[in-house]
Amino acid sequence: MMSRLEQEQAAKIAMISSIASSQQALASILGSIADIAEHSDITARQLAENIRVLTAYQSVMTEMLTGISLNRTKTGSPAEPWLSSACGPERRAAAEHH
């Protein structure tokens, strides 16, 4: 009889194996529909979004199971820093005059 820890580890391994199989199936599907997506930008965009969502979901599941956080690189332009109006230049100028 397996201990609780062994059962948890077996369940985690089974889940990770399932995720890996899912990724292989997804790659196979992508190969099968590549010709269709080649002729339709809309289809290609929809597929890319669906794949992004599935991959993100599987990544979160894997992180939860393994306890390993995968740091994702964020791309894009950073936003302007937000400051409370209490910290703004008008407030500082008023405080300097008092």
N, C-alpha and C. Protein backbone atom coordinates (compact mmCIF):
# COMPACT_ATOMS: atom_id res chain seq x y z
N MET A 1 0.84 -1.18 0.00
CA MET A 1 0.00 0.00 0.00
C MET A 1 0.89 1.25 0.00
N MET A 2 0.54 2.22 -0.85
CA MET A 2 1.34 3.44 -0.97
C MET A 2 0.98 4.41 0.14
N SER A 3 2.01 5.13 0.60
CA SER A 3 1.76 6.18 1.58
C SER A 3 1.08 7.36 0.90
N ARG A 4 0.60 8.27 1.69
CA ARG A 4 -0.08 9.45 1.13
C ARG A 4 0.88 10.26 0.25
N LEU A 5 2.12 10.40 0.69
CA LEU A 5 3.11 11.15 -0.09
C LEU A 5 3.36 10.46 -1.43
N GLU A 6 3.46 9.15 -1.43
CA GLU A 6 3.67 8.41 -2.67
C GLU A 6 2.46 8.55 -3.60
N GLN A 7 1.27 8.55 -3.03
CA GLN A 7 0.06 8.74 -3.84
C GLN A 7 0.03 10.13 -4.47
N GLU A 8 0.42 11.13 -3.69
CA GLU A 8 0.45 12.50 -4.21
C GLU A 8 1.48 12.62 -5.33
N GLN A 9 2.64 12.02 -5.14
CA GLN A 9 3.68 12.07 -6.17
C GLN A 9 3.23 11.34 -7.43
N ALA A 10 2.58 10.20 -7.27
CA ALA A 10 2.08 9.44 -8.42
C ALA A 10 1.03 10.25 -9.17
N ALA A 11 0.17 10.94 -8.42
CA ALA A 11 -0.86 11.78 -9.05
C ALA A 11 -0.22 12.93 -9.81
N LYS A 12 0.79 13.54 -9.23
CA LYS A 12 1.49 14.65 -9.90
C LYS A 12 2.16 14.16 -11.17
N ILE A 13 2.81 13.02 -11.11
CA ILE A 13 3.48 12.47 -12.29
C ILE A 13 2.46 12.16 -13.38
N ALA A 14 1.32 11.60 -12.99
CA ALA A 14 0.27 11.30 -13.97
C ALA A 14 -0.25 12.58 -14.62
N MET A 15 -0.43 13.64 -13.83
CA MET A 15 -0.93 14.90 -14.36
C MET A 15 0.09 15.53 -15.30
N ILE A 16 1.35 15.52 -14.93
CA ILE A 16 2.39 16.08 -15.79
C ILE A 16 2.50 15.27 -17.08
N SER A 17 2.37 13.96 -16.98
CA SER A 17 2.38 13.11 -18.17
C SER A 17 1.21 13.44 -19.08
N SER A 18 0.06 13.70 -18.47
CA SER A 18 -1.12 14.07 -19.24
C SER A 18 -0.92 15.41 -19.95
N ILE A 19 -0.31 16.36 -19.26
CA ILE A 19 -0.04 17.67 -19.86
C ILE A 19 0.93 17.51 -21.03
N ALA A 20 1.95 16.68 -20.86
CA ALA A 20 2.91 16.45 -21.94
C ALA A 20 2.22 15.82 -23.15
N SER A 21 1.33 14.85 -22.90
CA SER A 21 0.58 14.23 -24.00
C SER A 21 -0.30 15.26 -24.69
N SER A 22 -0.89 16.14 -23.91
CA SER A 22 -1.74 17.19 -24.46
C SER A 22 -0.93 18.12 -25.35
N GLN A 23 0.28 18.45 -24.93
CA GLN A 23 1.14 19.31 -25.75
C GLN A 23 1.51 18.61 -27.06
N GLN A 24 1.75 17.30 -27.01
CA GLN A 24 2.05 16.56 -28.23
C GLN A 24 0.84 16.53 -29.16
N ALA A 25 -0.33 16.34 -28.60
CA ALA A 25 -1.55 16.35 -29.42
C ALA A 25 -1.77 17.72 -30.05
N LEU A 26 -1.51 18.76 -29.28
CA LEU A 26 -1.65 20.12 -29.79
C LEU A 26 -0.69 20.37 -30.94
N ALA A 27 0.54 19.90 -30.81
CA ALA A 27 1.52 20.04 -31.89
C ALA A 27 1.06 19.30 -33.14
N SER A 28 0.46 18.13 -32.96
CA SER A 28 -0.05 17.36 -34.09
C SER A 28 -1.20 18.09 -34.78
N ILE A 29 -2.09 18.66 -33.98
CA ILE A 29 -3.21 19.43 -34.53
C ILE A 29 -2.69 20.63 -35.32
N LEU A 30 -1.70 21.31 -34.76
CA LEU A 30 -1.14 22.47 -35.46
C LEU A 30 -0.56 22.08 -36.81
N GLY A 31 0.13 20.95 -36.83
CA GLY A 31 0.68 20.47 -38.10
C GLY A 31 -0.41 20.16 -39.11
N SER A 32 -1.52 19.60 -38.64
CA SER A 32 -2.62 19.23 -39.54
C SER A 32 -3.34 20.43 -40.11
N ILE A 33 -3.43 21.51 -39.36
CA ILE A 33 -4.21 22.66 -39.84
C ILE A 33 -3.34 23.80 -40.34
N ALA A 34 -2.04 23.59 -40.42
CA ALA A 34 -1.15 24.66 -40.89
C ALA A 34 -1.52 25.14 -42.28
N ASP A 35 -1.92 24.23 -43.14
CA ASP A 35 -2.29 24.62 -44.51
C ASP A 35 -3.51 25.52 -44.52
N ILE A 36 -4.49 25.24 -43.66
CA ILE A 36 -5.70 26.06 -43.60
C ILE A 36 -5.37 27.45 -43.08
N ALA A 37 -4.57 27.50 -42.03
CA ALA A 37 -4.22 28.79 -41.43
C ALA A 37 -3.40 29.64 -42.38
N GLU A 38 -2.65 29.00 -43.26
CA GLU A 38 -1.85 29.72 -44.24
C GLU A 38 -2.71 30.61 -45.13
N HIS A 39 -3.95 30.19 -45.36
CA HIS A 39 -4.83 30.91 -46.27
C HIS A 39 -5.80 31.85 -45.56
N SER A 40 -5.77 31.87 -44.25
CA SER A 40 -6.72 32.71 -43.52
C SER A 40 -6.04 33.33 -42.30
N ASP A 41 -5.86 34.65 -42.34
CA ASP A 41 -5.25 35.35 -41.21
C ASP A 41 -6.12 35.25 -39.96
N ILE A 42 -7.43 35.31 -40.14
CA ILE A 42 -8.35 35.24 -39.00
C ILE A 42 -8.22 33.89 -38.30
N THR A 43 -8.20 32.83 -39.08
CA THR A 43 -8.03 31.48 -38.51
C THR A 43 -6.71 31.37 -37.78
N ALA A 44 -5.66 31.89 -38.37
CA ALA A 44 -4.33 31.83 -37.75
C ALA A 44 -4.33 32.59 -36.42
N ARG A 45 -4.95 33.77 -36.38
CA ARG A 45 -5.00 34.55 -35.14
C ARG A 45 -5.81 33.83 -34.07
N GLN A 46 -6.96 33.27 -34.46
CA GLN A 46 -7.79 32.53 -33.50
C GLN A 46 -7.05 31.33 -32.95
N LEU A 47 -6.37 30.61 -33.82
CA LEU A 47 -5.59 29.45 -33.38
C LEU A 47 -4.48 29.88 -32.43
N ALA A 48 -3.80 30.95 -32.76
CA ALA A 48 -2.71 31.42 -31.91
C ALA A 48 -3.23 31.79 -30.52
N GLU A 49 -4.38 32.45 -30.47
CA GLU A 49 -4.96 32.83 -29.18
C GLU A 49 -5.39 31.60 -28.39
N ASN A 50 -6.02 30.64 -29.05
CA ASN A 50 -6.43 29.41 -28.37
C ASN A 50 -5.22 28.65 -27.82
N ILE A 51 -4.17 28.59 -28.61
CA ILE A 51 -2.96 27.91 -28.17
C ILE A 51 -2.33 28.64 -26.99
N ARG A 52 -2.32 29.96 -27.04
CA ARG A 52 -1.78 30.75 -25.94
C ARG A 52 -2.53 30.46 -24.65
N VAL A 53 -3.86 30.43 -24.72
CA VAL A 53 -4.69 30.16 -23.54
C VAL A 53 -4.44 28.75 -23.01
N LEU A 54 -4.43 27.77 -23.89
CA LEU A 54 -4.19 26.39 -23.46
C LEU A 54 -2.81 26.23 -22.83
N THR A 55 -1.81 26.83 -23.44
CA THR A 55 -0.45 26.73 -22.92
C THR A 55 -0.34 27.41 -21.56
N ALA A 56 -0.97 28.56 -21.41
CA ALA A 56 -0.95 29.26 -20.12
C ALA A 56 -1.63 28.42 -19.04
N TYR A 57 -2.75 27.82 -19.38
CA TYR A 57 -3.48 26.97 -18.44
C TYR A 57 -2.62 25.78 -18.02
N GLN A 58 -2.01 25.14 -18.99
CA GLN A 58 -1.17 23.98 -18.69
C GLN A 58 0.06 24.39 -17.88
N SER A 59 0.59 25.54 -18.15
CA SER A 59 1.76 26.03 -17.42
C SER A 59 1.41 26.26 -15.95
N VAL A 60 0.26 26.86 -15.71
CA VAL A 60 -0.19 27.11 -14.33
C VAL A 60 -0.40 25.78 -13.61
N MET A 61 -1.02 24.83 -14.29
CA MET A 61 -1.23 23.52 -13.67
C MET A 61 0.10 22.87 -13.32
N THR A 62 1.06 22.95 -14.22
CA THR A 62 2.37 22.36 -13.98
C THR A 62 3.07 23.04 -12.81
N GLU A 63 2.98 24.38 -12.75
CA GLU A 63 3.58 25.11 -11.64
C GLU A 63 2.94 24.71 -10.31
N MET A 64 1.63 24.54 -10.32
CA MET A 64 0.94 24.15 -9.09
C MET A 64 1.38 22.75 -8.64
N LEU A 65 1.53 21.85 -9.58
CA LEU A 65 1.90 20.47 -9.25
C LEU A 65 3.34 20.35 -8.80
N THR A 66 4.23 21.07 -9.47
CA THR A 66 5.66 20.91 -9.17
C THR A 66 6.14 21.86 -8.10
N GLY A 67 5.42 22.96 -7.90
CA GLY A 67 5.87 23.97 -6.95
C GLY A 67 6.98 24.84 -7.52
N ILE A 68 7.26 24.68 -8.80
CA ILE A 68 8.31 25.47 -9.45
C ILE A 68 7.65 26.59 -10.24
N SER A 69 8.01 27.82 -9.92
CA SER A 69 7.45 28.97 -10.62
C SER A 69 8.29 29.28 -11.84
N LEU A 70 7.65 29.35 -12.98
CA LEU A 70 8.34 29.69 -14.21
C LEU A 70 8.20 31.19 -14.43
N ASN A 71 9.31 31.90 -14.38
CA ASN A 71 9.26 33.34 -14.58
C ASN A 71 9.07 33.62 -16.06
N ARG A 72 8.03 34.35 -16.35
CA ARG A 72 7.73 34.68 -17.74
C ARG A 72 8.28 36.06 -18.06
N THR A 73 8.87 36.18 -19.23
CA THR A 73 9.37 37.47 -19.68
C THR A 73 8.19 38.25 -20.25
N LYS A 74 8.01 39.45 -19.77
CA LYS A 74 6.94 40.31 -20.27
C LYS A 74 7.53 41.23 -21.34
N THR A 75 6.81 41.34 -22.43
CA THR A 75 7.27 42.23 -23.50
C THR A 75 6.31 43.41 -23.59
N GLY A 76 6.80 44.49 -24.13
CA GLY A 76 5.96 45.67 -24.31
C GLY A 76 6.60 46.88 -23.65
N SER A 77 5.88 47.96 -23.64
CA SER A 77 6.37 49.19 -23.05
C SER A 77 5.81 49.35 -21.64
N PRO A 78 6.66 49.70 -20.69
CA PRO A 78 6.15 49.88 -19.34
C PRO A 78 5.26 51.12 -19.25
N ALA A 79 4.34 51.09 -18.33
CA ALA A 79 3.44 52.23 -18.12
C ALA A 79 4.16 53.30 -17.32
N GLU A 80 3.60 54.50 -17.39
CA GLU A 80 4.12 55.60 -16.57
C GLU A 80 3.92 55.25 -15.10
N PRO A 81 4.83 55.65 -14.23
CA PRO A 81 4.62 55.37 -12.80
C PRO A 81 3.41 56.14 -12.28
N TRP A 82 2.66 55.49 -11.41
CA TRP A 82 1.50 56.14 -10.82
C TRP A 82 1.91 56.69 -9.47
N LEU A 83 1.61 57.94 -9.26
CA LEU A 83 1.89 58.56 -7.97
C LEU A 83 0.62 59.16 -7.42
N SER A 84 0.46 59.05 -6.15
CA SER A 84 -0.67 59.66 -5.48
C SER A 84 -0.56 61.17 -5.63
N SER A 85 -1.70 61.85 -5.71
CA SER A 85 -1.67 63.30 -5.82
C SER A 85 -0.99 63.92 -4.60
N ALA A 86 -0.99 63.22 -3.48
CA ALA A 86 -0.32 63.71 -2.27
C ALA A 86 1.19 63.75 -2.47
N CYS A 87 1.70 63.06 -3.46
CA CYS A 87 3.14 63.01 -3.71
C CYS A 87 3.55 63.86 -4.91
N GLY A 88 2.59 64.50 -5.54
CA GLY A 88 2.86 65.24 -6.76
C GLY A 88 3.66 66.52 -6.53
N PRO A 89 4.13 67.13 -7.61
CA PRO A 89 4.96 68.34 -7.51
C PRO A 89 4.21 69.52 -6.89
N GLU A 90 2.89 69.59 -7.12
CA GLU A 90 2.12 70.69 -6.53
C GLU A 90 2.15 70.60 -5.01
N ARG A 91 2.00 69.42 -4.50
CA ARG A 91 1.98 69.18 -3.05
C ARG A 91 3.36 69.50 -2.45
N ARG A 92 4.42 69.08 -3.14
CA ARG A 92 5.77 69.35 -2.62
C ARG A 92 6.07 70.85 -2.64
N ALA A 93 5.64 71.55 -3.69
CA ALA A 93 5.88 73.00 -3.78
C ALA A 93 5.13 73.71 -2.65
N ALA A 94 3.90 73.29 -2.37
CA ALA A 94 3.13 73.89 -1.28
C ALA A 94 3.79 73.62 0.07
N ALA A 95 4.33 72.43 0.25
CA ALA A 95 4.98 72.08 1.52
C ALA A 95 6.27 72.87 1.71
N GLU A 96 6.97 73.19 0.63
CA GLU A 96 8.22 73.94 0.74
C GLU A 96 7.97 75.40 1.12
N HIS A 97 6.81 75.95 0.77
CA HIS A 97 6.49 77.34 1.07
C HIS A 97 6.00 77.51 2.49
N HIS A 98 5.70 76.43 3.18
CA HIS A 98 5.18 76.54 4.56
C HIS A 98 6.26 76.42 5.57
